[in-house]
Amino acid sequence: MILHITNAKYLQNYQVRLKFNDDVEGIVDLSNELWGSMFEPLKDLSLFSQVRLDSQLHTISWPNGADLAPEFLHELLQQQQEIET
């Protein structure tokens, strides 16, 4: 199955609620993932909070052109959920 994000909503700080096409859903914290030339600008919460679901890429993206692969986000979400439990 090819993973797609079907819903995304900015919550607070660097947290985004995601839902995937395999029915996995939850809150992902991206605060530790914002490094490199495309992602450093997203440390500014006014830019980060503009996260949106890109219907062509089937993942989240930002106005500066940054996006994250749905597979990466899915794995990160599962890792963060394991730590919480």
Protein backbone atom coordinates (compact mmCIF):
# COMPACT_ATOMS: atom_id res chain seq x y z
CA MET A 1 0.00 0.00 0.00
CA ILE A 2 1.25 3.43 -0.91
CA LEU A 3 0.87 5.72 2.09
CA HIS A 4 -1.00 8.99 1.74
CA ILE A 5 -1.96 11.57 4.32
CA THR A 6 -5.70 12.17 4.12
CA ASN A 7 -6.06 14.84 6.78
CA ALA A 8 -3.70 17.23 8.53
CA LYS A 9 -4.32 19.92 11.11
CA TYR A 10 -1.86 22.22 12.85
CA LEU A 11 -2.33 22.09 16.63
CA GLN A 12 0.34 24.04 18.51
CA ASN A 13 4.10 24.48 18.71
CA TYR A 14 5.46 21.92 16.22
CA GLN A 15 2.59 19.46 16.50
CA VAL A 16 0.37 18.34 13.64
CA ARG A 17 -2.52 15.89 13.81
CA LEU A 18 -2.26 13.48 10.87
CA LYS A 19 -4.51 10.81 9.43
CA PHE A 20 -3.23 8.31 6.89
CA ASN A 21 -5.06 6.24 4.29
CA ASP A 22 -4.36 3.10 6.37
CA ASP A 23 -6.47 4.63 9.19
CA VAL A 24 -3.44 5.33 11.40
CA GLU A 25 -3.83 8.71 13.00
CA GLY A 26 -2.32 10.77 15.76
CA ILE A 27 -0.24 13.77 16.70
CA VAL A 28 3.29 14.04 15.39
CA ASP A 29 5.81 16.41 16.98
CA LEU A 30 8.22 17.73 14.35
CA SER A 31 10.33 19.89 16.67
CA ASN A 32 13.39 17.63 16.28
CA GLU A 33 13.06 17.30 12.50
CA LEU A 34 13.57 20.92 11.44
CA TRP A 35 17.15 20.95 10.22
CA GLY A 36 18.66 21.62 6.81
CA SER A 37 18.14 24.54 4.47
CA MET A 38 14.48 23.72 3.64
CA PHE A 39 13.37 23.06 7.21
CA GLU A 40 15.35 25.58 9.30
CA PRO A 41 12.91 28.39 8.34
CA LEU A 42 10.07 26.31 9.81
CA LYS A 43 11.48 26.89 13.30
CA ASP A 44 9.57 30.17 13.00
CA LEU A 45 6.15 29.12 14.31
CA SER A 46 4.40 31.70 12.13
CA LEU A 47 5.66 29.77 9.08
CA PHE A 48 5.37 26.29 10.61
CA SER A 49 1.73 26.91 11.51
CA GLN A 50 0.96 27.37 7.80
CA VAL A 51 1.32 23.61 7.26
CA ARG A 52 -1.23 22.25 4.81
CA LEU A 53 -2.24 19.03 3.15
CA ASP A 54 -0.89 18.97 -0.39
CA SER A 55 -3.44 17.05 -2.45
CA GLN A 56 -0.98 16.42 -5.29
CA LEU A 57 1.85 15.11 -3.11
CA HIS A 58 -0.50 13.42 -0.59
CA THR A 59 1.54 14.76 2.30
CA ILE A 60 2.04 17.94 4.30
CA SER A 61 3.86 20.94 2.92
CA TRP A 62 4.60 24.57 3.71
CA PRO A 63 4.61 27.79 1.66
CA ASN A 64 8.43 27.74 1.41
CA GLY A 65 8.26 24.47 -0.59
CA ALA A 66 9.25 22.14 2.25
CA ASP A 67 7.43 18.82 2.51
CA LEU A 68 7.93 15.53 4.31
CA ALA A 69 7.39 12.05 2.89
CA PRO A 70 4.28 10.33 4.23
CA GLU A 71 6.34 7.20 4.96
CA PHE A 72 8.70 9.21 7.17
CA LEU A 73 5.80 10.84 8.99
CA HIS A 74 4.05 7.49 9.48
CA GLU A 75 7.17 5.93 11.00
CA LEU A 76 7.83 8.99 13.17
CA LEU A 77 4.26 8.96 14.45
CA GLN A 78 4.52 5.29 15.38
CA GLN A 79 7.86 5.85 17.14
CA GLN A 80 6.48 8.78 19.13
CA GLN A 81 3.37 6.81 20.09
CA GLU A 82 5.56 3.93 21.35
CA ILE A 83 7.54 6.32 23.54
CA GLU A 84 4.32 7.71 25.04
CA THR A 85 3.06 4.29 26.08
